[in-house]
Protein backbone atom coordinates (compact mmCIF):
# COMPACT_ATOMS: atom_id res chain seq x y z
CA UNK A 1 -7.05 -8.76 -44.08
CA UNK A 2 -10.47 -7.66 -45.23
CA UNK A 3 -9.09 -5.96 -48.34
CA UNK A 4 -10.88 -2.69 -47.59
CA UNK A 5 -7.83 -1.01 -46.05
CA UNK A 6 -4.31 -1.23 -47.45
CA UNK A 7 -1.54 -2.17 -44.96
CA UNK A 8 0.02 1.30 -44.88
CA UNK A 9 -3.26 3.05 -44.16
CA UNK A 10 -4.09 0.42 -41.57
CA UNK A 11 -0.86 1.04 -39.67
CA UNK A 12 -1.33 4.80 -39.91
CA UNK A 13 -4.82 4.50 -38.42
CA UNK A 14 -3.72 2.05 -35.73
CA UNK A 15 -1.09 4.49 -34.56
CA UNK A 16 -3.56 7.37 -34.84
CA UNK A 17 -5.91 5.58 -32.42
CA UNK A 18 -3.04 5.05 -29.98
CA UNK A 19 -2.07 8.71 -30.32
CA UNK A 20 -5.63 9.76 -29.47
CA UNK A 21 -5.48 7.77 -26.22
CA UNK A 22 -2.03 9.14 -25.34
CA UNK A 23 -3.13 12.73 -25.95
CA UNK A 24 -6.21 12.14 -23.82
CA UNK A 25 -3.92 11.08 -20.99
CA UNK A 26 -1.64 14.08 -21.45
CA UNK A 27 -4.65 16.36 -21.20
CA UNK A 28 -5.92 14.62 -18.08
CA UNK A 29 -2.54 14.86 -16.32
CA UNK A 30 -1.96 18.50 -17.29
CA UNK A 31 -5.39 19.78 -16.28
CA UNK A 32 -6.10 17.79 -13.10
CA UNK A 33 -6.04 19.37 -9.66
CA UNK A 34 -4.93 16.58 -7.34
CA UNK A 35 -1.32 15.43 -6.91
CA UNK A 36 -2.59 11.87 -7.18
CA UNK A 37 -3.42 12.44 -10.84
CA UNK A 38 -1.12 15.22 -11.99
CA UNK A 39 2.01 13.96 -10.17
CA UNK A 40 1.45 10.25 -9.53
CA UNK A 41 -0.50 9.86 -12.81
CA UNK A 42 -3.00 7.47 -11.28
CA UNK A 43 -5.22 7.56 -14.36
CA UNK A 44 -5.78 5.78 -17.66
CA UNK A 45 -7.37 6.48 -21.05
CA UNK A 46 -8.75 4.33 -23.86
CA UNK A 47 -10.69 4.58 -27.11
CA UNK A 48 -13.52 2.26 -28.19
CA UNK A 49 -15.42 1.67 -31.41
CA UNK A 50 -19.03 0.53 -31.69
CA UNK A 51 -20.04 -2.83 -33.14
CA UNK A 52 -23.12 -5.02 -33.06
CA UNK A 53 -21.63 -6.62 -29.92
CA UNK A 54 -21.29 -3.23 -28.21
CA UNK A 55 -18.32 -0.97 -27.52
CA UNK A 56 -14.94 -2.65 -28.01
CA UNK A 57 -11.57 -1.23 -27.05
CA UNK A 58 -9.36 -0.37 -30.00
CA UNK A 59 -6.49 1.49 -28.30
CA UNK A 60 -5.18 2.58 -24.93
CA UNK A 61 -2.49 4.82 -23.52
CA UNK A 62 0.35 3.08 -21.68
CA UNK A 63 -1.07 3.75 -18.23
CA UNK A 64 -2.26 1.61 -15.32
CA UNK A 65 -2.78 -2.09 -16.14
CA UNK A 66 -5.40 -2.59 -13.44
CA UNK A 67 -7.43 0.24 -14.97
CA UNK A 68 -7.12 -0.69 -18.60
CA UNK A 69 -8.12 -4.34 -18.49
CA UNK A 70 -11.19 -3.40 -16.46
CA UNK A 71 -12.16 -0.35 -18.53
CA UNK A 72 -14.24 -2.33 -21.06
CA UNK A 73 -16.52 -3.45 -18.22
CA UNK A 74 -17.20 0.17 -17.30
CA UNK A 75 -17.88 1.21 -20.88
CA UNK A 76 -20.23 -1.76 -21.32
CA UNK A 77 -22.12 -0.73 -18.18
CA UNK A 78 -22.40 2.86 -19.40
CA UNK A 79 -23.70 1.80 -22.81
CA UNK A 80 -26.16 -0.59 -21.21
CA UNK A 81 -27.54 2.20 -19.03
CA UNK A 82 -27.54 4.75 -21.86
CA UNK A 83 -27.91 3.04 -25.26
CA UNK A 84 -26.62 4.95 -28.31
CA UNK A 85 -30.12 6.19 -29.14
CA UNK A 86 -30.21 8.00 -25.77
CA UNK A 87 -26.84 9.73 -26.18
CA UNK A 88 -26.05 13.04 -27.82
CA UNK A 89 -22.98 15.12 -28.51
CA UNK A 90 -21.61 16.58 -25.29
CA UNK A 91 -22.89 13.82 -22.99
CA UNK A 92 -20.57 12.16 -20.49
CA UNK A 93 -21.51 9.21 -18.29
CA UNK A 94 -19.87 8.76 -14.90
CA UNK A 95 -19.67 5.55 -12.85
CA UNK A 96 -17.59 3.83 -10.18
CA UNK A 97 -19.83 0.99 -8.95
CA UNK A 98 -17.59 -2.10 -8.65
CA UNK A 99 -20.60 -4.36 -9.16
CA UNK A 100 -21.68 -2.52 -12.29
CA UNK A 101 -18.53 -2.20 -14.36
CA UNK A 102 -16.20 -0.48 -11.91
CA UNK A 103 -13.21 -1.63 -9.85
CA UNK A 104 -13.21 0.23 -6.52
CA UNK A 105 -14.95 3.42 -5.54
CA UNK A 106 -12.05 5.93 -5.80
CA UNK A 107 -11.64 5.02 -9.49
CA UNK A 108 -14.15 7.23 -11.29
CA UNK A 109 -14.68 6.37 -14.96
CA UNK A 110 -16.02 8.94 -17.43
CA UNK A 111 -17.44 7.70 -20.74
CA UNK A 112 -18.07 10.12 -23.63
CA UNK A 113 -19.71 9.37 -27.00
CA UNK A 114 -17.94 10.62 -30.11
CA UNK A 115 -20.26 11.93 -32.81
CA UNK A 116 -19.29 12.82 -36.37
CA UNK A 117 -22.01 14.54 -38.36
CA UNK A 118 -24.64 13.40 -35.87
CA UNK A 119 -23.52 9.76 -36.16
CA UNK A 120 -22.09 7.96 -33.12
CA UNK A 121 -18.77 6.49 -34.27
CA UNK A 122 -16.68 5.89 -31.13
CA UNK A 123 -16.53 6.14 -27.35
CA UNK A 124 -13.78 7.77 -25.30
CA UNK A 125 -13.23 6.69 -21.70
CA UNK A 126 -10.87 7.55 -18.92
CA UNK A 127 -10.49 6.40 -15.33
CA UNK A 128 -8.93 8.49 -12.57
CA UNK A 129 -8.31 7.66 -8.93
CA UNK A 130 -9.87 10.43 -6.84
CA UNK A 131 -8.12 11.08 -3.54
CA UNK A 132 -11.42 11.06 -1.65
CA UNK A 133 -14.91 9.86 -2.56
CA UNK A 134 -16.42 9.95 0.92
CA UNK A 135 -16.92 6.98 3.20
CA UNK A 136 -15.80 6.35 6.73
CA UNK A 137 -12.14 7.27 6.30
CA UNK A 138 -10.43 10.20 4.61
CA UNK A 139 -8.90 9.05 1.34
CA UNK A 140 -11.58 6.37 0.88
CA UNK A 141 -9.05 3.52 1.03
CA UNK A 142 -9.71 2.16 4.50
CA UNK A 143 -8.25 -1.09 5.77
CA UNK A 144 -11.08 -1.52 8.27
CA UNK A 145 -14.11 -1.45 5.94
CA UNK A 146 -16.30 -4.56 5.99
CA UNK A 147 -18.94 -3.60 3.42
CA UNK A 148 -18.96 -1.38 0.40
CA UNK A 149 -21.28 1.16 2.01
CA UNK A 150 -18.40 2.22 4.27
CA UNK A 151 -16.02 2.84 1.39
CA UNK A 152 -17.52 5.93 -0.20
CA UNK A 153 -20.14 7.15 -2.61
CA UNK A 154 -21.24 4.39 -4.98
CA UNK A 155 -22.18 5.77 -8.39
CA UNK A 156 -24.08 3.72 -10.99
CA UNK A 157 -23.89 4.98 -14.58
CA UNK A 158 -25.27 8.53 -14.53
CA UNK A 159 -24.87 11.51 -16.84
CA UNK A 160 -22.40 14.03 -15.41
CA UNK A 161 -22.65 16.18 -18.53
CA UNK A 162 -25.63 16.40 -20.86
CA UNK A 163 -25.42 18.12 -24.21
CA UNK A 164 -22.18 19.75 -23.11
CA UNK A 165 -23.57 21.21 -19.88
CA UNK A 166 -22.80 19.93 -16.37
CA UNK A 167 -25.69 18.19 -14.65
CA UNK A 168 -25.58 20.33 -11.54
CA UNK A 169 -27.79 18.06 -9.44
CA UNK A 170 -25.34 15.20 -9.96
CA UNK A 171 -22.35 17.44 -9.25
CA UNK A 172 -24.02 18.66 -6.06
CA UNK A 173 -24.70 15.12 -4.93
CA UNK A 174 -21.11 14.05 -5.58
CA UNK A 175 -19.40 17.08 -4.06
CA UNK A 176 -21.60 17.16 -0.96
CA UNK A 177 -20.37 13.65 -0.07
CA UNK A 178 -16.62 14.19 -0.29
CA UNK A 179 -14.10 15.91 1.98
CA UNK A 180 -12.32 17.91 -0.74
CA UNK A 181 -15.04 19.11 -3.15
CA UNK A 182 -12.99 21.75 -4.97
CA UNK A 183 -10.29 19.24 -5.85
CA UNK A 184 -12.90 16.70 -6.93
CA UNK A 185 -14.68 19.19 -9.19
CA UNK A 186 -11.36 20.08 -10.78
CA UNK A 187 -10.49 16.46 -11.44
CA UNK A 188 -13.92 15.77 -12.95
CA UNK A 189 -13.40 18.72 -15.28
CA UNK A 190 -9.99 17.35 -16.24
CA UNK A 191 -11.57 13.99 -17.06
CA UNK A 192 -14.12 15.72 -19.29
CA UNK A 193 -11.35 17.71 -21.01
CA UNK A 194 -9.47 14.49 -21.73
CA UNK A 195 -12.48 12.94 -23.42
CA UNK A 196 -13.23 16.10 -25.37
CA UNK A 197 -9.67 15.88 -26.70
CA UNK A 198 -10.55 12.45 -28.04
CA UNK A 199 -13.73 13.79 -29.65
CA UNK A 200 -11.75 16.44 -31.54
CA UNK A 201 -8.99 14.07 -32.64
CA UNK A 202 -11.34 11.30 -33.80
CA UNK A 203 -13.25 13.82 -35.88
CA UNK A 204 -10.01 14.91 -37.49
CA UNK A 205 -9.09 11.31 -38.30
CA UNK A 206 -12.51 10.63 -39.83
CA UNK A 207 -12.36 13.84 -41.84
CA UNK A 208 -8.95 12.89 -43.21
CA UNK A 209 -9.61 9.23 -44.04
CA UNK A 210 -13.39 8.84 -44.27
CA UNK A 211 -15.73 7.04 -41.91
CA UNK A 212 -15.95 3.80 -43.92
CA UNK A 213 -12.16 3.48 -44.00
CA UNK A 214 -11.83 4.20 -40.26
CA UNK A 215 -14.48 1.63 -39.37
CA UNK A 216 -12.91 -1.00 -41.57
CA UNK A 217 -9.53 -0.25 -40.03
CA UNK A 218 -10.69 -0.53 -36.42
CA UNK A 219 -12.31 -3.88 -37.20
CA UNK A 220 -9.09 -5.13 -38.76
CA UNK A 221 -6.94 -3.73 -35.92
CA UNK A 222 -8.79 -6.00 -33.49
CA UNK A 223 -8.66 -8.98 -35.85
CA UNK A 224 -4.91 -8.47 -36.30
CA UNK A 225 -4.35 -8.42 -32.53
CA UNK A 226 -6.44 -11.56 -32.14
CA UNK A 227 -4.39 -13.39 -34.78
CA UNK A 228 -1.14 -12.42 -33.10
CA UNK A 229 -2.35 -13.46 -29.64
CA UNK A 230 -3.64 -16.79 -30.95
CA UNK A 231 -0.28 -17.42 -32.59
CA UNK A 232 1.48 -16.70 -29.29
CA UNK A 233 -0.80 -19.05 -27.35
CA UNK A 234 -0.44 -21.73 -30.02
CA UNK A 235 3.34 -21.62 -29.53
CA UNK A 236 2.91 -22.63 -25.88
CA UNK A 237 2.89 -26.36 -25.06
CA UNK A 238 -0.61 -27.78 -24.67
CA UNK A 239 -1.60 -28.89 -21.20
CA UNK A 240 -2.47 -27.52 -17.76
CA UNK A 241 -0.22 -25.93 -15.16
CA UNK A 242 -1.38 -24.97 -11.68
CA UNK A 243 -0.07 -22.59 -9.05
CA UNK A 244 -1.28 -20.91 -5.89
CA UNK A 245 -0.20 -17.96 -3.79
CA UNK A 246 -1.62 -16.28 -0.71
CA UNK A 247 -2.60 -12.91 0.65
CA UNK A 248 -1.53 -12.39 4.27
CA UNK A 249 -4.97 -11.58 5.65
CA UNK A 250 -8.04 -9.38 5.25
CA UNK A 251 -7.46 -7.22 8.32
CA UNK A 252 -10.49 -8.80 9.99
CA UNK A 253 -8.96 -12.01 11.30
CA UNK A 254 -9.00 -14.16 8.16
CA UNK A 255 -5.46 -15.22 7.20
CA UNK A 256 -3.70 -17.00 4.35
CA UNK A 257 -6.26 -16.20 1.68
CA UNK A 258 -5.58 -18.51 -1.25
CA UNK A 259 -5.59 -17.59 -4.91
CA UNK A 260 -5.43 -20.76 -6.95
CA UNK A 261 -5.18 -20.92 -10.72
CA UNK A 262 -5.06 -23.62 -13.38
CA UNK A 263 -3.92 -22.43 -16.80
CA UNK A 264 -4.84 -24.68 -19.71
CA UNK A 265 -3.41 -24.22 -23.20
CA UNK A 266 -5.51 -25.88 -25.89
CA UNK A 267 -4.23 -25.00 -29.32
CA UNK A 268 -4.64 -21.27 -29.79
CA UNK A 269 -6.96 -20.79 -26.82
CA UNK A 270 -6.25 -20.28 -23.15
CA UNK A 271 -8.46 -21.15 -20.17
CA UNK A 272 -7.64 -19.53 -16.84
CA UNK A 273 -9.59 -21.18 -14.01
CA UNK A 274 -9.55 -19.83 -10.45
CA UNK A 275 -11.38 -22.77 -8.87
CA UNK A 276 -10.12 -23.35 -5.32
CA UNK A 277 -9.67 -19.68 -4.56
CA UNK A 278 -10.82 -18.51 -1.12
CA UNK A 279 -14.38 -17.32 -0.64
CA UNK A 280 -14.95 -13.59 -0.26
CA UNK A 281 -14.18 -12.32 3.22
CA UNK A 282 -15.34 -9.68 5.65
CA UNK A 283 -12.36 -7.40 5.09
CA UNK A 284 -11.67 -5.11 2.16
CA UNK A 285 -9.65 -7.72 0.24
CA UNK A 286 -12.26 -8.72 -2.35
CA UNK A 287 -12.16 -8.07 -6.07
CA UNK A 288 -14.93 -7.84 -8.66
CA UNK A 289 -14.50 -9.84 -11.85
CA UNK A 290 -13.31 -6.81 -13.82
CA UNK A 291 -10.21 -6.52 -11.62
CA UNK A 292 -9.38 -10.21 -11.92
CA UNK A 293 -9.82 -10.07 -15.69
CA UNK A 294 -7.55 -7.04 -15.86
CA UNK A 295 -4.75 -8.83 -13.99
CA UNK A 296 -5.21 -11.96 -16.10
CA UNK A 297 -4.94 -10.09 -19.39
CA UNK A 298 -1.84 -8.29 -18.17
CA UNK A 299 -0.06 -11.48 -17.06
CA UNK A 300 -0.85 -13.26 -20.33
CA UNK A 301 0.57 -10.37 -22.32
CA UNK A 302 3.72 -10.43 -20.17
CA UNK A 303 4.53 -14.07 -20.99
CA UNK A 304 3.53 -13.96 -24.65
CA UNK A 305 4.36 -10.82 -26.63
CA UNK A 306 3.83 -7.46 -24.91
CA UNK A 307 4.01 -5.80 -28.33
CA UNK A 308 0.69 -7.31 -29.40
CA UNK A 309 -1.59 -4.25 -29.65
CA UNK A 310 -3.84 -4.27 -26.56
CA UNK A 311 -7.45 -4.15 -27.67
CA UNK A 312 -10.60 -6.25 -27.61
CA UNK A 313 -9.20 -8.70 -30.14
CA UNK A 314 -6.17 -9.44 -27.97
CA UNK A 315 -8.32 -10.96 -25.26
CA UNK A 316 -10.77 -13.00 -27.35
CA UNK A 317 -8.74 -16.25 -27.06
CA UNK A 318 -8.64 -15.99 -23.22
CA UNK A 319 -11.44 -17.66 -21.24
CA UNK A 320 -11.53 -16.60 -17.57
CA UNK A 321 -13.46 -18.75 -15.11
CA UNK A 322 -14.02 -17.59 -11.53
CA UNK A 323 -16.03 -19.00 -8.62
CA UNK A 324 -18.82 -16.57 -7.79
CA UNK A 325 -18.62 -15.17 -4.30
CA UNK A 326 -14.85 -15.61 -4.09
CA UNK A 327 -12.16 -12.99 -3.50
CA UNK A 328 -11.63 -12.90 -7.28
CA UNK A 329 -15.33 -12.50 -8.14
CA UNK A 330 -16.98 -10.86 -5.15
CA UNK A 331 -20.67 -10.18 -4.74
CA UNK A 332 -22.28 -7.21 -2.97
CA UNK A 333 -22.13 -5.92 -0.35
CA UNK A 334 -18.49 -7.02 -0.14
CA UNK A 335 -15.84 -4.45 0.73
CA UNK A 336 -13.66 -4.22 -2.37
CA UNK A 337 -11.31 -1.27 -2.09
CA UNK A 338 -8.31 -3.56 -1.50
CA UNK A 339 -9.28 -5.98 -4.25
CA UNK A 340 -8.24 -3.49 -6.90
CA UNK A 341 -5.00 -2.87 -5.01
CA UNK A 342 -3.96 -6.20 -3.55
CA UNK A 343 -5.90 -9.04 -5.16
CA UNK A 344 -4.94 -7.69 -8.59
CA UNK A 345 -1.28 -7.97 -7.63
CA UNK A 346 -1.64 -11.47 -6.22
CA UNK A 347 -3.57 -12.70 -9.25
CA UNK A 348 -0.67 -11.43 -11.35
CA UNK A 349 1.87 -13.17 -9.12
CA UNK A 350 -0.10 -16.41 -9.25
CA UNK A 351 -0.41 -16.42 -13.02
CA UNK A 352 3.24 -15.54 -13.56
CA UNK A 353 4.11 -18.32 -11.12
CA UNK A 354 2.03 -20.77 -13.13
CA UNK A 355 3.71 -19.83 -16.39
CA UNK A 356 7.11 -19.86 -14.70
CA UNK A 357 6.65 -23.41 -13.44
CA UNK A 358 7.56 -24.97 -16.79
CA UNK A 359 9.06 -22.03 -18.66
CA UNK A 360 10.80 -19.71 -16.16
CA UNK A 361 12.61 -17.93 -18.99
CA UNK A 362 9.23 -16.61 -20.13
CA UNK A 363 8.25 -15.38 -16.69
CA UNK A 364 9.66 -13.36 -13.81
CA UNK A 365 10.06 -13.88 -10.07
CA UNK A 366 7.44 -12.28 -7.87
CA UNK A 367 7.58 -8.52 -7.55
CA UNK A 368 6.70 -6.85 -4.26
CA UNK A 369 3.09 -8.00 -4.77
CA UNK A 370 1.40 -5.06 -3.04
CA UNK A 371 0.62 -1.40 -3.64
CA UNK A 372 1.34 -0.33 -0.03
CA UNK A 373 -1.58 2.11 -0.02
CA UNK A 374 -1.40 4.89 2.56
CA UNK A 375 -3.98 7.58 3.27
CA UNK A 376 -3.78 10.59 5.56
CA UNK A 377 -6.72 12.90 6.15
CA UNK A 378 -7.93 15.60 8.45
CA UNK A 379 -7.73 19.38 8.72
CA UNK A 380 -4.53 21.27 7.96
CA UNK A 381 -3.10 24.15 9.98
CA UNK A 382 -5.10 26.67 7.94
CA UNK A 383 -8.34 24.93 8.87
CA UNK A 384 -8.85 23.38 5.43
CA UNK A 385 -9.74 19.70 4.99
CA UNK A 386 -7.21 17.50 3.22
CA UNK A 387 -7.06 13.91 1.99
CA UNK A 388 -3.80 12.41 0.76
CA UNK A 389 -3.45 9.04 -0.93
CA UNK A 390 -0.52 7.28 -2.53
CA UNK A 391 0.93 3.88 -3.26
CA UNK A 392 4.58 3.12 -2.55
CA UNK A 393 6.89 1.19 -4.84
CA UNK A 394 9.04 -1.83 -4.02
CA UNK A 395 11.20 -4.48 -5.64
CA UNK A 396 10.58 -6.01 -9.06
CA UNK A 397 11.32 -9.68 -9.59
CA UNK A 398 14.53 -10.95 -11.16
CA UNK A 399 14.22 -12.52 -14.59
CA UNK A 400 16.43 -14.31 -17.09
CA UNK A 401 19.27 -11.98 -17.97
CA UNK A 402 18.47 -9.07 -15.66
CA UNK A 403 18.14 -8.10 -12.01
CA UNK A 404 14.79 -6.86 -10.78
CA UNK A 405 14.33 -3.10 -10.78
CA UNK A 406 14.70 -1.31 -7.45
CA UNK A 407 11.92 0.72 -5.88
CA UNK A 408 9.31 0.70 -8.66
CA UNK A 409 5.53 0.48 -8.85
CA UNK A 410 5.34 -3.01 -10.29
CA UNK A 411 2.80 -4.79 -12.46
CA UNK A 412 -0.77 -3.60 -11.86
CA UNK A 413 0.17 -0.22 -10.41
CA UNK A 414 2.61 1.51 -12.80
CA UNK A 415 2.15 4.95 -11.25
CA UNK A 416 4.82 7.42 -10.24
CA UNK A 417 5.50 8.38 -6.64
CA UNK A 418 4.36 11.57 -4.99
CA UNK A 419 7.48 13.76 -5.00
CA UNK A 420 8.50 14.72 -1.47
CA UNK A 421 8.45 18.39 -2.46
CA UNK A 422 4.85 18.15 -3.64
CA UNK A 423 3.73 16.14 -0.62
CA UNK A 424 5.26 18.64 1.81
CA UNK A 425 3.92 21.66 -0.07
CA UNK A 426 0.32 20.50 -0.37
CA UNK A 427 -0.22 18.54 2.85
CA UNK A 428 0.69 18.92 6.57
CA UNK A 429 3.16 16.06 6.24
CA UNK A 430 6.95 15.71 6.10
CA UNK A 431 9.02 13.03 4.40
CA UNK A 432 11.72 12.19 6.93
CA UNK A 433 13.37 9.45 4.94
CA UNK A 434 13.03 7.96 1.47
CA UNK A 435 15.57 5.31 0.51
CA UNK A 436 16.17 1.79 -0.78
CA UNK A 437 16.12 -1.12 1.69
CA UNK A 438 19.52 -2.84 1.44
CA UNK A 439 19.42 -6.66 1.30
CA UNK A 440 15.66 -6.74 0.58
CA UNK A 441 15.95 -8.23 -2.90
CA UNK A 442 15.87 -12.01 -3.12
CA UNK A 443 19.24 -13.58 -3.90
CA UNK A 444 19.70 -15.24 -7.26
CA UNK A 445 21.81 -15.36 -10.39
CA UNK A 446 19.74 -12.26 -11.07
CA UNK A 447 18.64 -10.76 -7.78
CA UNK A 448 15.28 -9.27 -6.98
CA UNK A 449 14.83 -5.51 -6.85
CA UNK A 450 15.09 -3.62 -3.58
CA UNK A 451 12.13 -2.43 -1.59
CA UNK A 452 11.80 1.11 -0.31
CA UNK A 453 11.69 2.83 3.07
CA UNK A 454 9.41 5.86 3.28
CA UNK A 455 9.00 7.62 6.63
CA UNK A 456 6.28 10.27 6.88
CA UNK A 457 5.77 12.60 9.83
CA UNK A 458 2.41 14.17 10.65
CA UNK A 459 2.57 17.93 11.32
CA UNK A 460 -0.93 18.54 12.69
CA UNK A 461 -3.24 16.89 15.19
CA UNK A 462 -6.25 14.65 14.63
CA UNK A 463 -5.10 12.98 11.43
CA UNK A 464 -6.73 9.73 10.32
CA UNK A 465 -4.23 7.29 8.83
CA UNK A 466 -4.91 4.02 7.03
CA UNK A 467 -2.43 1.45 5.74
CA UNK A 468 -3.57 -1.21 3.29
CA UNK A 469 -0.66 -3.44 2.31
CA UNK A 470 0.34 -7.07 1.93
CA UNK A 471 3.38 -9.34 1.61
CA UNK A 472 4.15 -8.74 5.30
CA UNK A 473 4.18 -12.52 5.97
CA UNK A 474 4.12 -14.26 2.58
CA UNK A 475 7.36 -13.19 0.92
CA UNK A 476 7.61 -12.62 -2.85
CA UNK A 477 8.72 -15.95 -4.31
CA UNK A 478 11.83 -16.61 -6.37
CA UNK A 479 11.92 -18.86 -9.43
CA UNK A 480 14.44 -21.15 -11.11
CA UNK A 481 16.29 -21.54 -7.80
CA UNK A 482 16.14 -17.90 -6.71
CA UNK A 483 15.34 -16.89 -3.13
CA UNK A 484 12.28 -15.01 -1.94
CA UNK A 485 12.40 -11.26 -1.48
CA UNK A 486 12.15 -9.66 1.96
CA UNK A 487 8.71 -9.15 3.46
CA UNK A 488 7.45 -5.64 4.13
CA UNK A 489 7.49 -4.07 7.59
CA UNK A 490 5.63 -1.13 9.09
CA UNK A 491 6.13 0.85 12.28
CA UNK A 492 4.65 3.81 14.12
CA UNK A 493 6.83 6.14 16.20
CA UNK A 494 4.96 8.00 18.92
CA UNK A 495 6.00 9.74 22.14
CA UNK A 496 9.58 8.50 21.87
CA UNK A 497 8.57 4.87 21.35
CA UNK A 498 8.48 2.79 18.18
CA UNK A 499 6.32 -0.26 17.57
CA UNK A 500 5.16 -2.46 14.69
CA UNK A 501 1.74 -1.98 13.11
CA UNK A 502 -0.25 -4.44 10.99
CA UNK A 503 -0.14 -4.16 7.23
CA UNK A 504 -3.88 -3.55 7.24
CA UNK A 505 -4.70 -1.11 9.99
CA UNK A 506 -6.06 2.35 10.80
CA UNK A 507 -4.71 4.85 13.32
CA UNK A 508 -5.48 8.28 14.72
CA UNK A 509 -2.32 10.37 14.64
CA UNK A 510 -1.15 13.66 16.11
CA UNK A 511 1.64 16.09 15.28
CA UNK A 512 5.04 14.45 15.67
CA UNK A 513 3.90 10.90 14.96
CA UNK A 514 5.95 9.17 12.27
CA UNK A 515 4.78 6.29 10.07
CA UNK A 516 7.61 4.14 8.73
CA UNK A 517 6.77 1.99 5.72
CA UNK A 518 9.26 -0.62 4.50
CA UNK A 519 8.11 -2.24 1.28
CA UNK A 520 8.93 -5.79 0.09
CA UNK A 521 11.77 -6.69 -2.22
CA UNK A 522 11.39 -8.76 -5.36
CA UNK A 523 12.16 -12.47 -5.64
CA UNK A 524 15.39 -13.68 -7.19
CA UNK A 525 15.87 -15.64 -10.43
CA UNK A 526 18.30 -18.53 -10.74
CA UNK A 527 20.81 -20.12 -8.37
CA UNK A 528 22.65 -17.48 -6.26
CA UNK A 529 25.85 -19.50 -6.74
CA UNK A 530 25.75 -18.55 -10.44
CA UNK A 531 25.71 -14.79 -9.82
CA UNK A 532 28.50 -12.81 -11.46
CA UNK A 533 30.91 -11.72 -8.68
CA UNK A 534 31.27 -8.31 -10.34
CA UNK A 535 27.51 -7.79 -9.82
CA UNK A 536 27.90 -8.65 -6.14
CA UNK A 537 30.76 -6.17 -5.71
CA UNK A 538 28.78 -3.52 -7.56
CA UNK A 539 25.85 -3.92 -5.16
CA UNK A 540 28.29 -3.71 -2.24
CA UNK A 541 29.77 -0.46 -3.54
CA UNK A 542 26.32 1.05 -4.04
CA UNK A 543 25.15 0.08 -0.55
CA UNK A 544 22.45 -2.24 -1.91
CA UNK A 545 24.01 -5.32 -0.31
CA UNK A 546 25.63 -5.79 3.10
CA UNK A 547 28.92 -7.59 3.63
CA UNK A 548 27.23 -10.21 5.79
CA UNK A 549 24.67 -11.03 3.11
CA UNK A 550 27.35 -11.17 0.43
CA UNK A 551 29.09 -13.83 2.50
CA UNK A 552 25.91 -15.72 3.35
CA UNK A 553 24.16 -15.75 -0.02
CA UNK A 554 26.98 -15.49 -2.55
CA UNK A 555 30.03 -16.85 -0.74
CA UNK A 556 31.94 -13.63 -1.33
CA UNK A 557 34.02 -12.03 1.43
CA UNK A 558 34.35 -8.29 0.74
CA UNK A 559 37.26 -8.04 3.14
CA UNK A 560 39.15 -10.71 1.25
CA UNK A 561 38.77 -9.29 -2.25
């Protein structure tokens, strides 16, 4: 340690920085307007300090992994556009451009400088998924987009607030281009309130401990995290392991999109190379580098020590190499809305598969591997426009010592669901069924988690619906002898008939139409023959496993017990 901060004070300040980020998030959730933020909690918050290298993350709330690993790219873009000398107290910089620090257009990031006695000492940032940011389809998550211009309003770093006052011209531009302007304005205000919470709390911390002590502590917090991560990497065997997995398609005729990775451990450093990954495609399944980096950081933390404090120091030993113009490092004008949702999940699966090749006890079988994004939009029965967006959970992968969790938002998502009561109150929609999918978890000594079935009925005419999902053909893999989880399935009921629909498709719906989403299960871990019979009988009693599957996969006859 540097010697400037004693260990007790250092730990107090480390936890204070985390508390600032968590309180930011609580403010954002409490004050937001949209169910997507206040109920699903599709938002994230982080705190940064300022160094000669720029703004570096020092703490984050436990929110959405795909947001948090990418957040430093957004903050760097904001600081590049508005250097510290051009910022003043009360400013807030907004951006969502995926090719300039963002991830996909619905994720709006707000960056706020923190001044103490006229000196810039920190930066607060939060990212929130807005339920509509314009574009060709309500909800701005369209499976049929082929270039970013179709996906919504693209915002480079621009001041949304200046000196504490809203920049009305910018607000007017933003709100004129969306379908639900009142909700958007409310969510922007909530984002500002979250960052102002950080401003107040950081000032209190500096007042209590002194600026020199706080700066020394934030420097050491990052150095401490780096030392711990290097120690974790150094404990891994040197060498290279490779793995590849596939996305089903891009919705535009390109199938079996490969994500290839080679992970090399060299002492206390890690190289993650995506050479061999498919080139970017016409459909919306492309990811900017920030998304790929986010998934990489998350997967590495999963297989090392998740308790290492996540900050800039944690990621210094990790070298990410991507082929430019690929689905993991797309170039404009690529459509990218699904990269944040689907490529991030498959990058995670691929990396966990690589680590699980030689050390399955460190890893986990594949989770559902998709966010199952659904959007509904149109005009409700009162004549008001609406735009609804949500992701749907599925099965988590089995791992050494434990079954996969059932019906959760796995890995890069980590949101909640939209409660049926909220969905039916706010939107002209009805949840007809919401349940686990029996038998969908991959068999194993520790089975994969179950997927979900969510059936939604439309209650008004002329509703635009988009589904952006994956793992409908390529099932979530098992490891250490476990079986793959069940693939997802999707159907549309209309005029008394029911038929399958593609996992990436758009539809025009009318009152009475029902969309039936069945999400994938997680892969299993270990040989199914080694499963504890009591666990099999428990799943039978709970309706999570059928008698026929118990016989087929585990050799247990429920009728003969």
